[in-house]
């Protein structure tokens, strides 16, 4: 008798099927696992190919577990934030007034727009340059942590840009009270781990 999972499993790749019956077996219903096993049998996948995929999947699982186990806690993240926040504001208040004096900003709203834009630019440059090039900001250097993607590797520039602009979401800072990963981590698919 064909169950509802048979069609779903027939659309899976060999690697996805093997992952279902090995590494992710605890995440699936018994009928889904049986359908995956039947699909593997019907494809006559070579046993060496199965072992190769199993080894690859186990290695990936170990890497993901290592990243998860090395993910830092909220207290360290808060220290990182404080250090980086202070540094960004010191730089901002040191450089921004000098640039502002060179501009002919006469109206109060012009100055307000310049100040907000300048602060956002300082934040963006600080985080994007340091986290992309070094995987660290000053706060992360002091706390011996770094930014990685979910596989534990250096994050791409697009991930870091996304991460930086997600920091501007109003409730991002309080999201750490509910999880080790803040909104900007989840949305950019990055983590901060021990270095």
Protein backbone atom coordinates (compact mmCIF):
# COMPACT_ATOMS: atom_id res chain seq x y z
CA UNK A 1 0.00 0.00 0.00
CA UNK A 2 1.33 3.41 -0.99
CA UNK A 3 1.36 6.01 1.80
CA UNK A 4 1.24 9.79 1.38
CA UNK A 5 5.01 10.03 1.74
CA UNK A 6 5.84 7.88 -1.30
CA UNK A 7 5.35 10.71 -3.81
CA UNK A 8 7.20 13.18 -1.58
CA UNK A 9 10.18 10.84 -1.22
CA UNK A 10 10.30 10.15 -4.96
CA UNK A 11 11.11 13.84 -5.48
CA UNK A 12 14.02 13.82 -3.01
CA UNK A 13 17.65 13.53 -4.04
CA UNK A 14 19.70 10.49 -3.05
CA UNK A 15 21.46 12.58 -0.41
CA UNK A 16 18.19 13.86 1.05
CA UNK A 17 16.80 10.32 1.29
CA UNK A 18 19.90 8.98 2.99
CA UNK A 19 19.87 11.93 5.40
CA UNK A 20 16.26 11.11 6.32
CA UNK A 21 17.06 7.48 7.15
CA UNK A 22 20.33 8.23 9.00
CA UNK A 23 21.17 11.63 10.49
CA UNK A 24 17.62 13.04 10.61
CA UNK A 25 15.78 9.80 11.41
CA UNK A 26 14.45 11.23 14.68
CA UNK A 27 12.78 14.14 12.86
CA UNK A 28 10.45 12.04 10.71
CA UNK A 29 7.39 9.86 11.18
CA UNK A 30 7.79 6.10 10.77
CA UNK A 31 5.77 6.08 7.54
CA UNK A 32 8.02 8.79 6.04
CA UNK A 33 11.14 6.82 6.97
CA UNK A 34 9.70 3.65 5.44
CA UNK A 35 8.84 5.54 2.23
CA UNK A 36 12.39 6.92 2.09
CA UNK A 37 13.86 3.42 2.57
CA UNK A 38 11.61 2.05 -0.19
CA UNK A 39 12.67 4.85 -2.53
CA UNK A 40 16.35 4.17 -1.81
CA UNK A 41 15.78 0.46 -2.56
CA UNK A 42 13.91 1.23 -5.79
CA UNK A 43 16.76 3.44 -7.02
CA UNK A 44 19.34 0.68 -6.46
CA UNK A 45 21.81 3.16 -4.98
CA UNK A 46 25.27 1.64 -4.73
CA UNK A 47 26.26 0.76 -1.15
CA UNK A 48 29.56 2.65 -1.54
CA UNK A 49 27.62 5.74 -2.60
CA UNK A 50 25.39 5.37 0.47
CA UNK A 51 28.40 5.07 2.77
CA UNK A 52 30.04 8.08 1.12
CA UNK A 53 26.90 10.20 1.62
CA UNK A 54 26.48 8.96 5.21
CA UNK A 55 30.07 9.97 6.02
CA UNK A 56 29.54 13.39 4.45
CA UNK A 57 26.30 13.92 6.36
CA UNK A 58 27.87 12.84 9.65
CA UNK A 59 30.72 15.29 9.11
CA UNK A 60 28.21 18.09 8.42
CA UNK A 61 26.27 17.17 11.55
CA UNK A 62 29.44 17.27 13.65
CA UNK A 63 30.29 20.74 12.26
CA UNK A 64 26.79 22.02 13.02
CA UNK A 65 26.90 20.55 16.53
CA UNK A 66 30.29 22.17 17.13
CA UNK A 67 28.93 25.57 16.05
CA UNK A 68 25.85 25.14 18.22
CA UNK A 69 27.93 24.08 21.24
CA UNK A 70 30.29 27.06 20.80
CA UNK A 71 27.53 29.65 20.38
CA UNK A 72 28.04 32.29 23.05
CA UNK A 73 25.47 33.33 25.63
CA UNK A 74 23.51 36.55 26.00
CA UNK A 75 25.84 38.06 28.61
CA UNK A 76 28.84 37.93 26.30
CA UNK A 77 26.71 39.28 23.44
CA UNK A 78 25.67 42.19 25.68
CA UNK A 79 29.32 42.95 26.51
CA UNK A 80 30.11 42.90 22.76
CA UNK A 81 27.25 45.31 22.16
CA UNK A 82 28.34 47.72 24.90
CA UNK A 83 31.95 47.87 23.73
CA UNK A 84 30.96 48.32 20.08
CA UNK A 85 28.25 50.86 20.97
CA UNK A 86 30.71 52.99 22.94
CA UNK A 87 33.35 52.81 20.22
CA UNK A 88 30.92 53.72 17.42
CA UNK A 89 29.66 56.72 19.39
CA UNK A 90 33.19 57.88 20.25
CA UNK A 91 34.12 57.72 16.57
CA UNK A 92 30.86 59.36 15.56
CA UNK A 93 31.19 62.27 18.00
CA UNK A 94 34.87 62.69 17.11
CA UNK A 95 34.48 62.79 13.35
CA UNK A 96 30.90 63.79 12.55
CA UNK A 97 30.99 67.37 13.96
CA UNK A 98 34.08 68.13 11.85
CA UNK A 99 32.31 66.99 8.70
CA UNK A 100 29.13 68.81 9.73
CA UNK A 101 31.04 72.08 10.10
CA UNK A 102 32.20 71.78 6.48
CA UNK A 103 28.64 71.42 5.24
CA UNK A 104 26.34 74.39 4.87
CA UNK A 105 23.48 73.01 6.94
CA UNK A 106 21.34 75.92 8.00
CA UNK A 107 18.00 74.40 8.93
CA UNK A 108 17.51 72.29 12.01
CA UNK A 109 15.92 69.47 9.98
CA UNK A 110 18.98 69.40 7.67
CA UNK A 111 21.28 68.92 10.64
CA UNK A 112 18.98 66.25 12.08
CA UNK A 113 18.91 64.34 8.79
CA UNK A 114 22.70 64.60 8.46
CA UNK A 115 23.26 63.37 12.02
CA UNK A 116 20.96 60.37 11.66
CA UNK A 117 22.43 59.47 8.25
CA UNK A 118 25.99 59.89 9.53
CA UNK A 119 25.31 57.66 12.54
CA UNK A 120 23.81 54.96 10.33
CA UNK A 121 26.81 55.18 8.00
CA UNK A 122 29.24 54.90 10.94
CA UNK A 123 27.39 51.84 12.25
CA UNK A 124 27.28 50.22 8.80
CA UNK A 125 30.95 50.83 8.04
CA UNK A 126 32.08 49.67 11.48
CA UNK A 127 30.20 46.37 11.46
CA UNK A 128 30.38 45.52 7.76
CA UNK A 129 34.10 46.17 7.36
CA UNK A 130 35.23 44.51 10.59
CA UNK A 131 32.86 41.53 10.59
CA UNK A 132 33.44 40.77 6.91
CA UNK A 133 37.21 41.18 6.89
CA UNK A 134 38.09 39.88 10.36
CA UNK A 135 34.86 38.21 11.55
CA UNK A 136 35.24 40.41 14.65
CA UNK A 137 34.56 43.86 16.00
CA UNK A 138 36.46 45.35 18.94
CA UNK A 139 33.89 43.85 21.31
CA UNK A 140 34.37 40.41 19.81
CA UNK A 141 38.16 40.74 19.95
CA UNK A 142 37.97 41.50 23.68
CA UNK A 143 35.51 38.66 24.41
CA UNK A 144 37.33 36.26 22.05
CA UNK A 145 34.33 35.57 19.83
CA UNK A 146 33.67 35.76 16.10
CA UNK A 147 30.87 35.77 13.53
CA UNK A 148 30.33 32.67 11.40
CA UNK A 149 27.62 31.29 9.13
CA UNK A 150 25.49 28.37 10.31
CA UNK A 151 28.11 25.89 9.07
CA UNK A 152 30.82 27.54 11.18
CA UNK A 153 32.59 29.14 8.23
CA UNK A 154 33.30 32.77 7.40
CA UNK A 155 30.05 34.53 6.51
CA UNK A 156 29.61 36.02 3.05
CA UNK A 157 29.56 39.80 2.56
CA UNK A 158 25.82 39.67 1.80
CA UNK A 159 25.23 37.88 5.14
CA UNK A 160 27.21 40.53 7.01
CA UNK A 161 25.38 43.39 5.26
CA UNK A 162 22.05 41.74 6.07
CA UNK A 163 23.20 41.18 9.67
CA UNK A 164 24.26 44.82 10.04
CA UNK A 165 21.01 46.31 8.78
CA UNK A 166 18.93 43.84 10.81
CA UNK A 167 20.57 45.37 13.90
CA UNK A 168 18.42 48.42 13.22
CA UNK A 169 15.21 46.47 13.88
CA UNK A 170 13.78 48.14 16.99
CA UNK A 171 13.53 45.06 19.23
CA UNK A 172 16.75 43.37 18.12
CA UNK A 173 18.60 44.11 21.38
CA UNK A 174 15.91 42.62 23.60
CA UNK A 175 15.66 39.46 21.49
CA UNK A 176 18.75 38.18 23.34
CA UNK A 177 16.71 37.87 26.53
CA UNK A 178 14.69 35.09 24.87
CA UNK A 179 17.38 33.29 22.87
CA UNK A 180 21.13 33.05 22.41
CA UNK A 181 20.61 34.25 18.85
CA UNK A 182 19.22 37.70 18.26
CA UNK A 183 16.98 38.80 15.43
CA UNK A 184 19.99 39.93 13.39
CA UNK A 185 21.56 36.46 13.78
CA UNK A 186 18.45 34.57 12.74
CA UNK A 187 17.65 36.78 9.75
CA UNK A 188 21.21 36.75 8.43
CA UNK A 189 21.78 33.04 9.20
CA UNK A 190 24.86 33.77 11.27
CA UNK A 191 26.04 32.99 14.80
CA UNK A 192 28.57 34.36 17.22
CA UNK A 193 30.82 31.61 18.56
CA UNK A 194 33.85 31.29 20.80
CA UNK A 195 37.03 31.93 18.85
